[in-house]
Amino acid sequence: MPLGSEDKEIVIKIPCQKGLHMRSAANFVNFAKQFKADIKLTQGAVTANAKSILGILLLGAVCCSHVKIRVTGEDAGPTLEALKAYFQGGIGCVDEEASTHERHF
C-alpha cells in the first residue's frame, strides 16, 4: 500500500532479549496509546494495531527481529519520531540477569 502525505513508516529492530513479551508489549501499548495517530506494526504477514496488547503479542516479535512501524494521521511525523526514540532507548527492557538479581532485594 503506498504511503499518503500523512503516512510515515520505518523498520526497527527489537532490542529485548525476550522480544516483545508480555511486559515489554504492555509498556509499548501504553506508550502508543498516548498518540492520536493510527499505529500499525507488521512482521512478516502479520499486522497489528500498536494499541492492542493481544495484537502485539500475536506478532511473535523475538529479539533482533525487524518490525515495520506505519503511522497514519495528522501527527504521524512526531509520533514516528517518538516511537523511533522509544525503540532506540531499549523499550524498557531490563537485563534479565540484573532483573532476577533485583527481585531478591
N, C-alpha and C. Protein backbone atom coordinates (compact mmCIF):
# COMPACT_ATOMS: atom_id res chain seq x y z
N MET A 1 0.84 -1.17 0.00
CA MET A 1 0.00 0.00 0.00
C MET A 1 0.89 1.23 0.00
N PRO A 2 0.69 2.17 -0.93
CA PRO A 2 1.54 3.36 -0.99
C PRO A 2 1.27 4.28 0.20
N LEU A 3 2.30 5.04 0.55
CA LEU A 3 2.17 5.97 1.66
C LEU A 3 1.48 7.25 1.20
N GLY A 4 0.54 7.77 2.00
CA GLY A 4 -0.09 9.04 1.74
C GLY A 4 0.76 10.16 2.33
N SER A 5 0.34 11.38 2.15
CA SER A 5 1.11 12.51 2.64
C SER A 5 1.19 12.55 4.16
N GLU A 6 0.24 11.92 4.84
CA GLU A 6 0.25 11.91 6.30
C GLU A 6 0.68 10.54 6.85
N ASP A 7 1.23 9.69 6.01
CA ASP A 7 1.69 8.36 6.43
C ASP A 7 3.21 8.37 6.53
N LYS A 8 3.70 7.73 7.57
CA LYS A 8 5.15 7.60 7.77
C LYS A 8 5.42 6.16 8.19
N GLU A 9 6.60 5.63 7.80
CA GLU A 9 6.95 4.29 8.27
C GLU A 9 8.46 4.13 8.39
N ILE A 10 8.84 3.25 9.29
CA ILE A 10 10.24 2.88 9.49
C ILE A 10 10.27 1.39 9.81
N VAL A 11 11.46 0.82 9.76
CA VAL A 11 11.69 -0.55 10.20
C VAL A 11 12.62 -0.47 11.39
N ILE A 12 12.22 -1.12 12.49
CA ILE A 12 13.03 -1.12 13.71
C ILE A 12 13.45 -2.55 14.05
N LYS A 13 14.45 -2.64 14.89
CA LYS A 13 14.95 -3.93 15.37
C LYS A 13 14.53 -4.09 16.83
N ILE A 14 13.96 -5.22 17.18
CA ILE A 14 13.51 -5.47 18.56
C ILE A 14 14.74 -5.67 19.45
N PRO A 15 14.93 -4.80 20.47
CA PRO A 15 16.15 -4.87 21.28
C PRO A 15 16.11 -5.84 22.47
N CYS A 16 14.93 -6.23 22.94
CA CYS A 16 14.84 -7.06 24.14
C CYS A 16 15.29 -8.49 23.89
N GLN A 17 15.99 -9.06 24.85
CA GLN A 17 16.44 -10.45 24.73
C GLN A 17 15.27 -11.42 24.59
N LYS A 18 14.16 -11.11 25.22
CA LYS A 18 12.98 -11.98 25.15
C LYS A 18 11.97 -11.50 24.11
N GLY A 19 12.35 -10.51 23.30
CA GLY A 19 11.45 -9.99 22.28
C GLY A 19 10.33 -9.17 22.91
N LEU A 20 9.24 -9.02 22.17
CA LEU A 20 8.07 -8.30 22.69
C LEU A 20 7.22 -9.27 23.49
N HIS A 21 7.64 -9.57 24.70
CA HIS A 21 6.90 -10.45 25.60
C HIS A 21 5.85 -9.62 26.35
N MET A 22 5.14 -10.21 27.27
CA MET A 22 4.01 -9.56 27.91
C MET A 22 4.36 -8.20 28.52
N ARG A 23 5.42 -8.11 29.29
CA ARG A 23 5.75 -6.85 29.96
C ARG A 23 6.17 -5.78 28.97
N SER A 24 7.07 -6.11 28.05
CA SER A 24 7.53 -5.11 27.10
C SER A 24 6.40 -4.72 26.14
N ALA A 25 5.54 -5.66 25.79
CA ALA A 25 4.39 -5.36 24.93
C ALA A 25 3.42 -4.42 25.65
N ALA A 26 3.15 -4.68 26.93
CA ALA A 26 2.25 -3.83 27.71
C ALA A 26 2.82 -2.41 27.81
N ASN A 27 4.11 -2.31 28.07
CA ASN A 27 4.76 -0.99 28.14
C ASN A 27 4.64 -0.26 26.81
N PHE A 28 4.87 -0.98 25.72
CA PHE A 28 4.79 -0.36 24.41
C PHE A 28 3.36 0.09 24.10
N VAL A 29 2.38 -0.74 24.38
CA VAL A 29 0.97 -0.39 24.11
C VAL A 29 0.60 0.87 24.90
N ASN A 30 0.99 0.94 26.16
CA ASN A 30 0.70 2.13 26.96
C ASN A 30 1.37 3.37 26.38
N PHE A 31 2.58 3.21 25.87
CA PHE A 31 3.27 4.33 25.23
C PHE A 31 2.54 4.75 23.97
N ALA A 32 2.14 3.78 23.15
CA ALA A 32 1.48 4.07 21.87
C ALA A 32 0.12 4.74 22.07
N LYS A 33 -0.55 4.41 23.15
CA LYS A 33 -1.90 4.95 23.39
C LYS A 33 -1.91 6.46 23.64
N GLN A 34 -0.77 7.05 23.91
CA GLN A 34 -0.76 8.49 24.17
C GLN A 34 -0.81 9.31 22.88
N PHE A 35 -0.72 8.67 21.72
CA PHE A 35 -0.73 9.37 20.44
C PHE A 35 -2.08 9.24 19.75
N LYS A 36 -2.47 10.28 19.02
CA LYS A 36 -3.73 10.27 18.27
C LYS A 36 -3.61 9.45 16.99
N ALA A 37 -2.43 9.37 16.42
CA ALA A 37 -2.21 8.70 15.14
C ALA A 37 -2.55 7.22 15.23
N ASP A 38 -2.90 6.65 14.07
CA ASP A 38 -3.11 5.22 13.94
C ASP A 38 -1.73 4.59 13.76
N ILE A 39 -1.38 3.60 14.59
CA ILE A 39 -0.06 2.99 14.56
C ILE A 39 -0.21 1.49 14.32
N LYS A 40 0.45 0.99 13.29
CA LYS A 40 0.41 -0.44 12.96
C LYS A 40 1.83 -0.98 12.96
N LEU A 41 2.00 -2.19 13.48
CA LEU A 41 3.27 -2.90 13.42
C LEU A 41 3.07 -4.12 12.52
N THR A 42 4.06 -4.39 11.68
CA THR A 42 3.99 -5.54 10.78
C THR A 42 5.27 -6.34 10.88
N GLN A 43 5.10 -7.64 11.04
CA GLN A 43 6.23 -8.57 10.97
C GLN A 43 5.76 -9.73 10.09
N GLY A 44 6.46 -9.93 8.99
CA GLY A 44 6.04 -10.96 8.05
C GLY A 44 4.67 -10.64 7.50
N ALA A 45 3.75 -11.60 7.59
CA ALA A 45 2.40 -11.41 7.07
C ALA A 45 1.43 -10.91 8.13
N VAL A 46 1.91 -10.66 9.35
CA VAL A 46 1.04 -10.26 10.46
C VAL A 46 1.15 -8.76 10.71
N THR A 47 0.01 -8.09 10.74
CA THR A 47 -0.05 -6.67 11.06
C THR A 47 -0.92 -6.51 12.30
N ALA A 48 -0.46 -5.67 13.23
CA ALA A 48 -1.17 -5.48 14.49
C ALA A 48 -1.34 -4.00 14.80
N ASN A 49 -2.44 -3.69 15.46
CA ASN A 49 -2.67 -2.36 15.99
C ASN A 49 -1.73 -2.19 17.19
N ALA A 50 -0.94 -1.13 17.19
CA ALA A 50 0.04 -0.92 18.27
C ALA A 50 -0.63 -0.60 19.60
N LYS A 51 -1.92 -0.34 19.59
CA LYS A 51 -2.63 -0.01 20.82
C LYS A 51 -3.40 -1.22 21.37
N SER A 52 -3.08 -2.41 20.85
CA SER A 52 -3.72 -3.66 21.27
C SER A 52 -2.65 -4.64 21.75
N ILE A 53 -2.67 -4.96 23.02
CA ILE A 53 -1.65 -5.87 23.55
C ILE A 53 -1.74 -7.25 22.90
N LEU A 54 -2.95 -7.73 22.66
CA LEU A 54 -3.10 -9.04 22.01
C LEU A 54 -2.49 -9.01 20.62
N GLY A 55 -2.75 -7.95 19.88
CA GLY A 55 -2.18 -7.81 18.55
C GLY A 55 -0.66 -7.81 18.57
N ILE A 56 -0.09 -7.09 19.51
CA ILE A 56 1.37 -7.02 19.62
C ILE A 56 1.95 -8.38 19.96
N LEU A 57 1.32 -9.09 20.89
CA LEU A 57 1.81 -10.42 21.25
C LEU A 57 1.69 -11.40 20.09
N LEU A 58 0.64 -11.27 19.27
CA LEU A 58 0.47 -12.17 18.13
C LEU A 58 1.52 -11.97 17.04
N LEU A 59 2.21 -10.84 17.07
CA LEU A 59 3.30 -10.63 16.11
C LEU A 59 4.41 -11.66 16.31
N GLY A 60 4.61 -12.08 17.56
CA GLY A 60 5.67 -13.04 17.85
C GLY A 60 7.05 -12.46 17.59
N ALA A 61 7.21 -11.17 17.84
CA ALA A 61 8.49 -10.49 17.57
C ALA A 61 9.54 -10.90 18.60
N VAL A 62 10.57 -11.59 18.15
CA VAL A 62 11.65 -12.06 19.02
C VAL A 62 12.83 -11.09 18.94
N CYS A 63 13.79 -11.30 19.80
CA CYS A 63 14.98 -10.46 19.85
C CYS A 63 15.63 -10.35 18.47
N CYS A 64 15.97 -9.15 18.11
CA CYS A 64 16.68 -8.83 16.86
C CYS A 64 15.83 -8.99 15.60
N SER A 65 14.54 -9.31 15.75
CA SER A 65 13.70 -9.36 14.57
C SER A 65 13.39 -7.93 14.13
N HIS A 66 13.03 -7.78 12.87
CA HIS A 66 12.73 -6.47 12.31
C HIS A 66 11.23 -6.32 12.14
N VAL A 67 10.72 -5.19 12.60
CA VAL A 67 9.29 -4.90 12.56
C VAL A 67 9.09 -3.56 11.88
N LYS A 68 8.12 -3.52 10.96
CA LYS A 68 7.80 -2.26 10.30
C LYS A 68 6.74 -1.54 11.13
N ILE A 69 6.98 -0.25 11.37
CA ILE A 69 6.01 0.60 12.05
C ILE A 69 5.47 1.58 11.03
N ARG A 70 4.15 1.60 10.90
CA ARG A 70 3.48 2.53 9.98
C ARG A 70 2.54 3.41 10.80
N VAL A 71 2.70 4.71 10.64
CA VAL A 71 1.91 5.69 11.40
C VAL A 71 1.11 6.52 10.41
N THR A 72 -0.18 6.66 10.69
CA THR A 72 -1.08 7.41 9.83
C THR A 72 -1.84 8.44 10.65
N GLY A 73 -1.93 9.66 10.13
CA GLY A 73 -2.70 10.69 10.80
C GLY A 73 -1.98 12.02 10.79
N GLU A 74 -2.66 13.03 11.30
CA GLU A 74 -2.11 14.38 11.23
C GLU A 74 -0.82 14.55 12.05
N ASP A 75 -0.64 13.78 13.10
CA ASP A 75 0.59 13.89 13.90
C ASP A 75 1.53 12.72 13.64
N ALA A 76 1.49 12.17 12.43
CA ALA A 76 2.29 10.99 12.09
C ALA A 76 3.79 11.24 12.26
N GLY A 77 4.28 12.37 11.81
CA GLY A 77 5.71 12.66 11.90
C GLY A 77 6.23 12.65 13.33
N PRO A 78 5.66 13.48 14.23
CA PRO A 78 6.11 13.48 15.62
C PRO A 78 5.91 12.14 16.33
N THR A 79 4.82 11.47 15.99
CA THR A 79 4.55 10.16 16.59
C THR A 79 5.63 9.16 16.19
N LEU A 80 5.98 9.14 14.92
CA LEU A 80 7.00 8.21 14.45
C LEU A 80 8.35 8.51 15.09
N GLU A 81 8.69 9.77 15.23
CA GLU A 81 9.96 10.13 15.88
C GLU A 81 9.98 9.67 17.34
N ALA A 82 8.85 9.82 18.04
CA ALA A 82 8.77 9.37 19.43
C ALA A 82 8.90 7.84 19.52
N LEU A 83 8.25 7.13 18.60
CA LEU A 83 8.34 5.66 18.60
C LEU A 83 9.76 5.20 18.28
N LYS A 84 10.40 5.87 17.35
CA LYS A 84 11.77 5.55 16.99
C LYS A 84 12.69 5.71 18.22
N ALA A 85 12.54 6.82 18.93
CA ALA A 85 13.33 7.06 20.14
C ALA A 85 13.03 6.02 21.21
N TYR A 86 11.77 5.63 21.32
CA TYR A 86 11.36 4.62 22.31
C TYR A 86 12.08 3.30 22.06
N PHE A 87 12.10 2.85 20.81
CA PHE A 87 12.78 1.60 20.48
C PHE A 87 14.29 1.72 20.60
N GLN A 88 14.85 2.86 20.21
CA GLN A 88 16.29 3.06 20.33
C GLN A 88 16.71 3.10 21.79
N GLY A 89 15.78 3.50 22.67
CA GLY A 89 16.06 3.53 24.10
C GLY A 89 15.89 2.19 24.78
N GLY A 90 15.58 1.15 24.02
CA GLY A 90 15.50 -0.19 24.58
C GLY A 90 14.11 -0.62 24.99
N ILE A 91 13.10 0.16 24.77
CA ILE A 91 11.68 -0.10 25.09
C ILE A 91 11.46 -0.61 26.51
N GLY A 92 12.27 -0.14 27.43
CA GLY A 92 12.08 -0.52 28.82
C GLY A 92 12.59 -1.90 29.16
N CYS A 93 13.41 -2.49 28.29
CA CYS A 93 13.96 -3.81 28.56
C CYS A 93 14.98 -3.72 29.69
N VAL A 94 14.95 -4.71 30.54
CA VAL A 94 15.90 -4.79 31.64
C VAL A 94 16.73 -6.05 31.42
N ASP A 95 18.04 -5.93 31.63
CA ASP A 95 18.91 -7.10 31.51
C ASP A 95 18.33 -8.20 32.41
N GLU A 96 18.09 -9.37 31.84
CA GLU A 96 17.42 -10.45 32.58
C GLU A 96 18.16 -10.85 33.84
N GLU A 97 19.47 -10.89 33.80
CA GLU A 97 20.25 -11.27 34.97
C GLU A 97 20.09 -10.22 36.05
N ALA A 98 20.16 -8.95 35.68
CA ALA A 98 20.00 -7.86 36.65
C ALA A 98 18.58 -7.86 37.20
N SER A 99 17.61 -8.13 36.35
CA SER A 99 16.22 -8.15 36.77
C SER A 99 15.99 -9.23 37.82
N THR A 100 16.54 -10.41 37.62
CA THR A 100 16.41 -11.50 38.58
C THR A 100 17.08 -11.13 39.89
N HIS A 101 18.25 -10.53 39.80
CA HIS A 101 19.00 -10.12 40.98
C HIS A 101 18.22 -9.08 41.77
N GLU A 102 17.63 -8.12 41.10
CA GLU A 102 16.91 -7.05 41.76
C GLU A 102 15.69 -7.58 42.52
N ARG A 103 15.07 -8.62 42.04
CA ARG A 103 13.88 -9.15 42.70
C ARG A 103 14.19 -9.75 44.06
N HIS A 104 15.44 -10.11 44.32
CA HIS A 104 15.80 -10.72 45.59
C HIS A 104 16.03 -9.68 46.69
N PHE A 105 16.06 -8.40 46.33
CA PHE A 105 16.33 -7.37 47.33
C PHE A 105 15.11 -6.66 47.75
